[in-house]
Amino acid sequence: MDLPQLNEGFYLFWARAYNACGWNDWIETEIEYADCSQMFLMFSPNPTTGETTLSIESRSEEKTFDETAEWDLEVYSPVQSLKQKKQN
């Protein structure tokens, strides 16, 4: 699966919502994107039912995952109920 490539920098987003009362005012937010590690999580299969495999992938041959790094993993149900939490 090819992931979209974003350029580092600032991105400006405009959004507004609609409900039974109509449209609200536009809001503006700016987000800074910095590609620090080139690492991402890969879930397989996705979506999953039951068992899944989680792996940490790298877009760069130069950067590898530090297996001694501390991490937290939380798994939530589709209704956002915490199902499991692991730490290392």
PDB file of N, CA and C in Angstrom:
ATOM      1  N   MET A   1       0.841  -1.172   0.000  1.00  0.00           N
ATOM      2  CA  MET A   1       0.000   0.000   0.000  1.00  0.00           C
ATOM      3  C   MET A   1       0.887   1.236   0.000  1.00  0.00           C
ATOM      4  N   ASP A   2       0.706   2.122  -0.950  1.00  0.00           N
ATOM      5  CA  ASP A   2       1.463   3.367  -1.008  1.00  0.00           C
ATOM      6  C   ASP A   2       0.776   4.420  -0.156  1.00  0.00           C
ATOM      7  N   LEU A   3       1.539   5.021   0.755  1.00  0.00           N
ATOM      8  CA  LEU A   3       1.019   6.087   1.599  1.00  0.00           C
ATOM      9  C   LEU A   3       1.260   7.420   0.921  1.00  0.00           C
ATOM     10  N   PRO A   4       0.344   8.385   1.121  1.00  0.00           N
ATOM     11  CA  PRO A   4       0.543   9.693   0.497  1.00  0.00           C
ATOM     12  C   PRO A   4       1.771  10.372   1.066  1.00  0.00           C
ATOM     13  N   GLN A   5       2.500  11.061   0.227  1.00  0.00           N
ATOM     14  CA  GLN A   5       3.699  11.767   0.641  1.00  0.00           C
ATOM     15  C   GLN A   5       3.347  13.236   0.867  1.00  0.00           C
ATOM     16  N   LEU A   6       3.530  13.710   2.085  1.00  0.00           N
ATOM     17  CA  LEU A   6       3.298  15.109   2.408  1.00  0.00           C
ATOM     18  C   LEU A   6       4.633  15.824   2.510  1.00  0.00           C
ATOM     19  N   ASN A   7       4.647  17.054   2.095  1.00  0.00           N
ATOM     20  CA  ASN A   7       5.831  17.880   2.269  1.00  0.00           C
ATOM     21  C   ASN A   7       5.792  18.488   3.664  1.00  0.00           C
ATOM     22  N   GLU A   8       6.956  18.625   4.283  1.00  0.00           N
ATOM     23  CA  GLU A   8       7.014  19.275   5.583  1.00  0.00           C
ATOM     24  C   GLU A   8       6.625  20.733   5.428  1.00  0.00           C
ATOM     25  N   GLY A   9       5.964  21.260   6.456  1.00  0.00           N
ATOM     26  CA  GLY A   9       5.577  22.663   6.433  1.00  0.00           C
ATOM     27  C   GLY A   9       4.239  22.869   7.106  1.00  0.00           C
ATOM     28  N   PHE A  10       3.624  24.021   6.828  1.00  0.00           N
ATOM     29  CA  PHE A  10       2.357  24.387   7.443  1.00  0.00           C
ATOM     30  C   PHE A  10       1.222  24.156   6.452  1.00  0.00           C
ATOM     31  N   TYR A  11       0.128  23.610   6.959  1.00  0.00           N
ATOM     32  CA  TYR A  11      -1.073  23.378   6.160  1.00  0.00           C
ATOM     33  C   TYR A  11      -2.221  24.128   6.807  1.00  0.00           C
ATOM     34  N   LEU A  12      -3.006  24.838   6.002  1.00  0.00           N
ATOM     35  CA  LEU A  12      -4.134  25.621   6.477  1.00  0.00           C
ATOM     36  C   LEU A  12      -5.421  24.895   6.101  1.00  0.00           C
ATOM     37  N   PHE A  13      -6.295  24.683   7.083  1.00  0.00           N
ATOM     38  CA  PHE A  13      -7.563  23.993   6.859  1.00  0.00           C
ATOM     39  C   PHE A  13      -8.717  24.931   7.176  1.00  0.00           C
ATOM     40  N   TRP A  14      -9.737  24.903   6.338  1.00  0.00           N
ATOM     41  CA  TRP A  14     -10.979  25.624   6.572  1.00  0.00           C
ATOM     42  C   TRP A  14     -12.081  24.576   6.666  1.00  0.00           C
ATOM     43  N   ALA A  15     -12.935  24.721   7.659  1.00  0.00           N
ATOM     44  CA  ALA A  15     -14.026  23.757   7.825  1.00  0.00           C
ATOM     45  C   ALA A  15     -15.249  24.451   8.407  1.00  0.00           C
ATOM     46  N   ARG A  16     -16.413  23.864   8.150  1.00  0.00           N
ATOM     47  CA  ARG A  16     -17.645  24.285   8.792  1.00  0.00           C
ATOM     48  C   ARG A  16     -18.585  23.103   8.853  1.00  0.00           C
ATOM     49  N   ALA A  17     -19.515  23.158   9.763  1.00  0.00           N
ATOM     50  CA  ALA A  17     -20.420  22.030   9.990  1.00  0.00           C
ATOM     51  C   ALA A  17     -21.844  22.398   9.591  1.00  0.00           C
ATOM     52  N   TYR A  18     -22.629  21.371   9.346  1.00  0.00           N
ATOM     53  CA  TYR A  18     -24.032  21.546   8.992  1.00  0.00           C
ATOM     54  C   TYR A  18     -24.867  20.644   9.881  1.00  0.00           C
ATOM     55  N   ASN A  19     -25.960  21.174  10.428  1.00  0.00           N
ATOM     56  CA  ASN A  19     -26.918  20.363  11.174  1.00  0.00           C
ATOM     57  C   ASN A  19     -28.323  20.884  10.885  1.00  0.00           C
ATOM     58  N   ALA A  20     -29.289  20.500  11.690  1.00  0.00           N
ATOM     59  CA  ALA A  20     -30.683  20.892  11.452  1.00  0.00           C
ATOM     60  C   ALA A  20     -30.872  22.412  11.492  1.00  0.00           C
ATOM     61  N   CYS A  21     -30.003  23.131  12.164  1.00  0.00           N
ATOM     62  CA  CYS A  21     -30.093  24.595  12.248  1.00  0.00           C
ATOM     63  C   CYS A  21     -29.444  25.293  11.057  1.00  0.00           C
ATOM     64  N   GLY A  22     -28.736  24.554  10.220  1.00  0.00           N
ATOM     65  CA  GLY A  22     -28.069  25.131   9.064  1.00  0.00           C
ATOM     66  C   GLY A  22     -26.557  25.069   9.199  1.00  0.00           C
ATOM     67  N   TRP A  23     -25.887  25.911   8.419  1.00  0.00           N
ATOM     68  CA  TRP A  23     -24.420  25.939   8.402  1.00  0.00           C
ATOM     69  C   TRP A  23     -23.896  26.859   9.488  1.00  0.00           C
ATOM     70  N   ASN A  24     -22.780  26.470  10.114  1.00  0.00           N
ATOM     71  CA  ASN A  24     -22.119  27.364  11.068  1.00  0.00           C
ATOM     72  C   ASN A  24     -21.077  28.188  10.324  1.00  0.00           C
ATOM     73  N   ASP A  25     -20.404  29.081  11.047  1.00  0.00           N
ATOM     74  CA  ASP A  25     -19.362  29.903  10.441  1.00  0.00           C
ATOM     75  C   ASP A  25     -18.138  29.047  10.118  1.00  0.00           C
ATOM     76  N   TRP A  26     -17.377  29.514   9.141  1.00  0.00           N
ATOM     77  CA  TRP A  26     -16.125  28.847   8.801  1.00  0.00           C
ATOM     78  C   TRP A  26     -15.128  29.004   9.943  1.00  0.00           C
ATOM     79  N   ILE A  27     -14.373  27.952  10.230  1.00  0.00           N
ATOM     80  CA  ILE A  27     -13.269  28.059  11.176  1.00  0.00           C
ATOM     81  C   ILE A  27     -11.985  27.743  10.421  1.00  0.00           C
ATOM     82  N   GLU A  28     -10.914  28.321  10.888  1.00  0.00           N
ATOM     83  CA  GLU A  28      -9.612  28.142  10.243  1.00  0.00           C
ATOM     84  C   GLU A  28      -8.637  27.590  11.271  1.00  0.00           C
ATOM     85  N   THR A  29      -7.859  26.606  10.865  1.00  0.00           N
ATOM     86  CA  THR A  29      -6.812  26.090  11.739  1.00  0.00           C
ATOM     87  C   THR A  29      -5.589  25.786  10.903  1.00  0.00           C
ATOM     88  N   GLU A  30      -4.438  25.954  11.514  1.00  0.00           N
ATOM     89  CA  GLU A  30      -3.171  25.706  10.828  1.00  0.00           C
ATOM     90  C   GLU A  30      -2.450  24.577  11.549  1.00  0.00           C
ATOM     91  N   ILE A  31      -1.913  23.658  10.790  1.00  0.00           N
ATOM     92  CA  ILE A  31      -1.210  22.510  11.348  1.00  0.00           C
ATOM     93  C   ILE A  31       0.189  22.465  10.749  1.00  0.00           C
ATOM     94  N   GLU A  32       1.185  22.257  11.605  1.00  0.00           N
ATOM     95  CA  GLU A  32       2.548  22.093  11.113  1.00  0.00           C
ATOM     96  C   GLU A  32       2.858  20.610  11.015  1.00  0.00           C
ATOM     97  N   TYR A  33       3.350  20.191   9.879  1.00  0.00           N
ATOM     98  CA  TYR A  33       3.713  18.797   9.659  1.00  0.00           C
ATOM     99  C   TYR A  33       5.225  18.699   9.530  1.00  0.00           C
ATOM    100  N   ALA A  34       5.823  17.863  10.377  1.00  0.00           N
ATOM    101  CA  ALA A  34       7.259  17.598  10.301  1.00  0.00           C
ATOM    102  C   ALA A  34       7.448  16.090  10.268  1.00  0.00           C
ATOM    103  N   ASP A  35       8.058  15.602   9.245  1.00  0.00           N
ATOM    104  CA  ASP A  35       8.291  14.170   9.094  1.00  0.00           C
ATOM    105  C   ASP A  35       9.585  13.824   9.807  1.00  0.00           C
ATOM    106  N   CYS A  36       9.469  13.472  11.088  1.00  0.00           N
ATOM    107  CA  CYS A  36      10.648  13.283  11.925  1.00  0.00           C
ATOM    108  C   CYS A  36      11.263  11.894  11.809  1.00  0.00           C
ATOM    109  N   SER A  37      10.443  10.893  11.652  1.00  0.00           N
ATOM    110  CA  SER A  37      11.024   9.558  11.760  1.00  0.00           C
ATOM    111  C   SER A  37      10.765   8.658  10.561  1.00  0.00           C
ATOM    112  N   GLN A  38       9.837   9.015   9.730  1.00  0.00           N
ATOM    113  CA  GLN A  38       9.496   8.176   8.587  1.00  0.00           C
ATOM    114  C   GLN A  38       8.944   6.817   9.015  1.00  0.00           C
ATOM    115  N   MET A  39       8.458   6.700  10.248  1.00  0.00           N
ATOM    116  CA  MET A  39       7.903   5.448  10.751  1.00  0.00           C
ATOM    117  C   MET A  39       6.376   5.531  10.735  1.00  0.00           C
ATOM    118  N   PHE A  40       5.726   4.397  10.532  1.00  0.00           N
ATOM    119  CA  PHE A  40       4.275   4.356  10.599  1.00  0.00           C
ATOM    120  C   PHE A  40       3.840   2.966  11.035  1.00  0.00           C
ATOM    121  N   LEU A  41       2.599   2.878  11.516  1.00  0.00           N
ATOM    122  CA  LEU A  41       2.040   1.599  11.949  1.00  0.00           C
ATOM    123  C   LEU A  41       1.288   0.960  10.802  1.00  0.00           C
ATOM    124  N   MET A  42       1.400  -0.353  10.682  1.00  0.00           N
ATOM    125  CA  MET A  42       0.693  -1.094   9.649  1.00  0.00           C
ATOM    126  C   MET A  42      -0.140  -2.174  10.339  1.00  0.00           C
ATOM    127  N   PHE A  43      -1.435  -2.201  10.042  1.00  0.00           N
ATOM    128  CA  PHE A  43      -2.345  -3.210  10.582  1.00  0.00           C
ATOM    129  C   PHE A  43      -2.716  -4.172   9.464  1.00  0.00           C
ATOM    130  N   SER A  44      -2.725  -5.455   9.766  1.00  0.00           N
ATOM    131  CA  SER A  44      -3.076  -6.443   8.754  1.00  0.00           C
ATOM    132  C   SER A  44      -3.836  -7.598   9.398  1.00  0.00           C
ATOM    133  N   PRO A  45      -5.000  -7.970   8.905  1.00  0.00           N
ATOM    134  CA  PRO A  45      -5.781  -7.283   7.862  1.00  0.00           C
ATOM    135  C   PRO A  45      -6.418  -6.009   8.413  1.00  0.00           C
ATOM    136  N   ASN A  46      -6.831  -5.132   7.531  1.00  0.00           N
ATOM    137  CA  ASN A  46      -7.465  -3.884   7.931  1.00  0.00           C
ATOM    138  C   ASN A  46      -8.660  -3.634   7.027  1.00  0.00           C
ATOM    139  N   PRO A  47      -9.893  -3.616   7.511  1.00  0.00           N
ATOM    140  CA  PRO A  47     -10.284  -3.765   8.913  1.00  0.00           C
ATOM    141  C   PRO A  47     -10.146  -5.212   9.368  1.00  0.00           C
ATOM    142  N   THR A  48     -10.205  -5.391  10.669  1.00  0.00           N
ATOM    143  CA  THR A  48      -9.992  -6.712  11.228  1.00  0.00           C
ATOM    144  C   THR A  48     -11.151  -7.135  12.107  1.00  0.00           C
ATOM    145  N   THR A  49     -11.320  -8.425  12.227  1.00  0.00           N
ATOM    146  CA  THR A  49     -12.230  -9.001  13.215  1.00  0.00           C
ATOM    147  C   THR A  49     -11.437 -10.112  13.868  1.00  0.00           C
ATOM    148  N   GLY A  50     -11.326 -10.056  15.173  1.00  0.00           N
ATOM    149  CA  GLY A  50     -10.554 -11.086  15.855  1.00  0.00           C
ATOM    150  C   GLY A  50      -9.095 -10.709  15.929  1.00  0.00           C
ATOM    151  N   GLU A  51      -8.244 -11.514  15.341  1.00  0.00           N
ATOM    152  CA  GLU A  51      -6.803 -11.342  15.456  1.00  0.00           C
ATOM    153  C   GLU A  51      -6.252 -10.462  14.337  1.00  0.00           C
ATOM    154  N   THR A  52      -5.277  -9.632  14.686  1.00  0.00           N
ATOM    155  CA  THR A  52      -4.619  -8.774  13.704  1.00  0.00           C
ATOM    156  C   THR A  52      -3.126  -8.711  13.996  1.00  0.00           C
ATOM    157  N   THR A  53      -2.364  -8.303  13.014  1.00  0.00           N
ATOM    158  CA  THR A  53      -0.921  -8.133  13.171  1.00  0.00           C
ATOM    159  C   THR A  53      -0.607  -6.653  13.084  1.00  0.00           C
ATOM    160  N   LEU A  54       0.173  -6.158  14.031  1.00  0.00           N
ATOM    161  CA  LEU A  54       0.610  -4.774  14.057  1.00  0.00           C
ATOM    162  C   LEU A  54       2.109  -4.756  13.841  1.00  0.00           C
ATOM    163  N   SER A  55       2.560  -3.990  12.849  1.00  0.00           N
ATOM    164  CA  SER A  55       3.997  -3.889  12.606  1.00  0.00           C
ATOM    165  C   SER A  55       4.372  -2.420  12.445  1.00  0.00           C
ATOM    166  N   ILE A  56       5.611  -2.112  12.747  1.00  0.00           N
ATOM    167  CA  ILE A  56       6.147  -0.765  12.574  1.00  0.00           C
ATOM    168  C   ILE A  56       7.013  -0.794  11.331  1.00  0.00           C
ATOM    169  N   GLU A  57       6.656   0.037  10.362  1.00  0.00           N
ATOM    170  CA  GLU A  57       7.331   0.071   9.074  1.00  0.00           C
ATOM    171  C   GLU A  57       8.090   1.381   8.923  1.00  0.00           C
ATOM    172  N   SER A  58       9.078   1.392   8.035  1.00  0.00           N
ATOM    173  CA  SER A  58       9.856   2.592   7.767  1.00  0.00           C
ATOM    174  C   SER A  58       9.851   2.873   6.277  1.00  0.00           C
ATOM    175  N   ARG A  59       9.748   4.145   5.926  1.00  0.00           N
ATOM    176  CA  ARG A  59       9.841   4.547   4.522  1.00  0.00           C
ATOM    177  C   ARG A  59      11.291   4.732   4.099  1.00  0.00           C
ATOM    178  N   SER A  60      12.195   4.682   5.048  1.00  0.00           N
ATOM    179  CA  SER A  60      13.605   4.967   4.791  1.00  0.00           C
ATOM    180  C   SER A  60      14.455   3.761   5.162  1.00  0.00           C
ATOM    181  N   GLU A  61      15.397   3.423   4.313  1.00  0.00           N
ATOM    182  CA  GLU A  61      16.321   2.329   4.632  1.00  0.00           C
ATOM    183  C   GLU A  61      17.331   2.757   5.690  1.00  0.00           C
ATOM    184  N   GLU A  62      17.506   4.079   5.858  1.00  0.00           N
ATOM    185  CA  GLU A  62      18.484   4.594   6.809  1.00  0.00           C
ATOM    186  C   GLU A  62      17.972   4.573   8.243  1.00  0.00           C
ATOM    187  N   LYS A  63      16.656   4.700   8.426  1.00  0.00           N
ATOM    188  CA  LYS A  63      16.085   4.782   9.764  1.00  0.00           C
ATOM    189  C   LYS A  63      15.438   3.461  10.136  1.00  0.00           C
ATOM    190  N   THR A  64      15.772   2.969  11.318  1.00  0.00           N
ATOM    191  CA  THR A  64      15.192   1.730  11.803  1.00  0.00           C
ATOM    192  C   THR A  64      14.534   1.976  13.143  1.00  0.00           C
ATOM    193  N   PHE A  65      13.640   1.095  13.515  1.00  0.00           N
ATOM    194  CA  PHE A  65      12.917   1.206  14.770  1.00  0.00           C
ATOM    195  C   PHE A  65      13.822   0.832  15.933  1.00  0.00           C
ATOM    196  N   ASP A  66      13.825   1.656  16.980  1.00  0.00           N
ATOM    197  CA  ASP A  66      14.598   1.397  18.191  1.00  0.00           C
ATOM    198  C   ASP A  66      13.804   0.417  19.048  1.00  0.00           C
ATOM    199  N   GLU A  67      14.196  -0.845  19.060  1.00  0.00           N
ATOM    200  CA  GLU A  67      13.448  -1.869  19.778  1.00  0.00           C
ATOM    201  C   GLU A  67      13.519  -1.710  21.288  1.00  0.00           C
ATOM    202  N   THR A  68      14.396  -0.836  21.791  1.00  0.00           N
ATOM    203  CA  THR A  68      14.463  -0.585  23.228  1.00  0.00           C
ATOM    204  C   THR A  68      13.610   0.616  23.638  1.00  0.00           C
ATOM    205  N   ALA A  69      12.973   1.281  22.673  1.00  0.00           N
ATOM    206  CA  ALA A  69      12.158   2.467  22.963  1.00  0.00           C
ATOM    207  C   ALA A  69      10.917   2.080  23.765  1.00  0.00           C
ATOM    208  N   GLU A  70      10.496   2.982  24.651  1.00  0.00           N
ATOM    209  CA  GLU A  70       9.272   2.756  25.408  1.00  0.00           C
ATOM    210  C   GLU A  70       8.072   3.069  24.525  1.00  0.00           C
ATOM    211  N   TRP A  71       6.967   2.342  24.734  1.00  0.00           N
ATOM    212  CA  TRP A  71       5.770   2.564  23.943  1.00  0.00           C
ATOM    213  C   TRP A  71       4.535   2.163  24.733  1.00  0.00           C
ATOM    214  N   ASP A  72       3.386   2.703  24.315  1.00  0.00           N
ATOM    215  CA  ASP A  72       2.071   2.358  24.842  1.00  0.00           C
ATOM    216  C   ASP A  72       1.194   1.977  23.661  1.00  0.00           C
ATOM    217  N   LEU A  73       0.376   0.964  23.841  1.00  0.00           N
ATOM    218  CA  LEU A  73      -0.579   0.549  22.811  1.00  0.00           C
ATOM    219  C   LEU A  73      -1.936   0.413  23.469  1.00  0.00           C
ATOM    220  N   GLU A  74      -2.935   1.094  22.917  1.00  0.00           N
ATOM    221  CA  GLU A  74      -4.303   0.986  23.407  1.00  0.00           C
ATOM    222  C   GLU A  74      -5.187   0.512  22.264  1.00  0.00           C
ATOM    223  N   VAL A  75      -6.054  -0.463  22.550  1.00  0.00           N
ATOM    224  CA  VAL A  75      -6.973  -1.007  21.558  1.00  0.00           C
ATOM    225  C   VAL A  75      -8.389  -0.643  21.987  1.00  0.00           C
ATOM    226  N   TYR A  76      -9.132  -0.020  21.069  1.00  0.00           N
ATOM    227  CA  TYR A  76     -10.489   0.423  21.353  1.00  0.00           C
ATOM    228  C   TYR A  76     -11.492  -0.314  20.470  1.00  0.00           C
ATOM    229  N   SER A  77     -12.691  -0.464  20.993  1.00  0.00           N
ATOM    230  CA  SER A  77     -13.792  -1.042  20.215  1.00  0.00           C
ATOM    231  C   SER A  77     -14.328   0.023  19.259  1.00  0.00           C
ATOM    232  N   PRO A  78     -15.200  -0.364  18.325  1.00  0.00           N
ATOM    233  CA  PRO A  78     -15.777   0.636  17.413  1.00  0.00           C
ATOM    234  C   PRO A  78     -16.556   1.746  18.123  1.00  0.00           C
ATOM    235  N   VAL A  79     -17.007   1.501  19.371  1.00  0.00           N
ATOM    236  CA  VAL A  79     -17.728   2.532  20.117  1.00  0.00           C
ATOM    237  C   VAL A  79     -16.801   3.248  21.112  1.00  0.00           C
ATOM    238  N   GLN A  80     -15.488   3.164  20.884  1.00  0.00           N
ATOM    239  CA  GLN A  80     -14.457   3.862  21.640  1.00  0.00           C
ATOM    240  C   GLN A  80     -14.340   3.422  23.091  1.00  0.00           C
ATOM    241  N   SER A  81     -14.626   2.153  23.363  1.00  0.00           N
ATOM    242  CA  SER A  81     -14.429   1.576  24.680  1.00  0.00           C
ATOM    243  C   SER A  81     -13.048   0.916  24.704  1.00  0.00           C
ATOM    244  N   LEU A  82     -12.230   1.242  25.726  1.00  0.00           N
ATOM    245  CA  LEU A  82     -10.893   0.672  25.832  1.00  0.00           C
ATOM    246  C   LEU A  82     -10.995  -0.830  26.054  1.00  0.00           C
ATOM    247  N   LYS A  83     -10.406  -1.608  25.146  1.00  0.00           N
ATOM    248  CA  LYS A  83     -10.469  -3.074  25.223  1.00  0.00           C
ATOM    249  C   LYS A  83      -9.201  -3.653  25.826  1.00  0.00           C
ATOM    250  N   GLN A  84      -8.059  -3.048  25.519  1.00  0.00           N
ATOM    251  CA  GLN A  84      -6.797  -3.592  25.995  1.00  0.00           C
ATOM    252  C   GLN A  84      -5.740  -2.488  25.963  1.00  0.00           C
ATOM    253  N   LYS A  85      -4.807  -2.547  26.947  1.00  0.00           N
ATOM    254  CA  LYS A  85      -3.708  -1.593  27.001  1.00  0.00           C
ATOM    255  C   LYS A  85      -2.436  -2.342  27.314  1.00  0.00           C
ATOM    256  N   LYS A  86      -1.394  -2.085  26.527  1.00  0.00           N
ATOM    257  CA  LYS A  86      -0.079  -2.712  26.738  1.00  0.00           C
ATOM    258  C   LYS A  86       0.970  -1.619  26.801  1.00  0.00           C
ATOM    259  N   GLN A  87       2.005  -1.865  27.603  1.00  0.00           N
ATOM    260  CA  GLN A  87       3.119  -0.910  27.720  1.00  0.00           C
ATOM    261  C   GLN A  87       4.425  -1.655  27.684  1.00  0.00           C
ATOM    262  N   ASN A  88       5.466  -0.990  27.192  1.00  0.00           N
ATOM    263  CA  ASN A  88       6.806  -1.561  27.204  1.00  0.00           C
ATOM    264  C   ASN A  88       7.773  -0.483  27.608  1.00  0.00           C
TER     265      ASN A  88
END
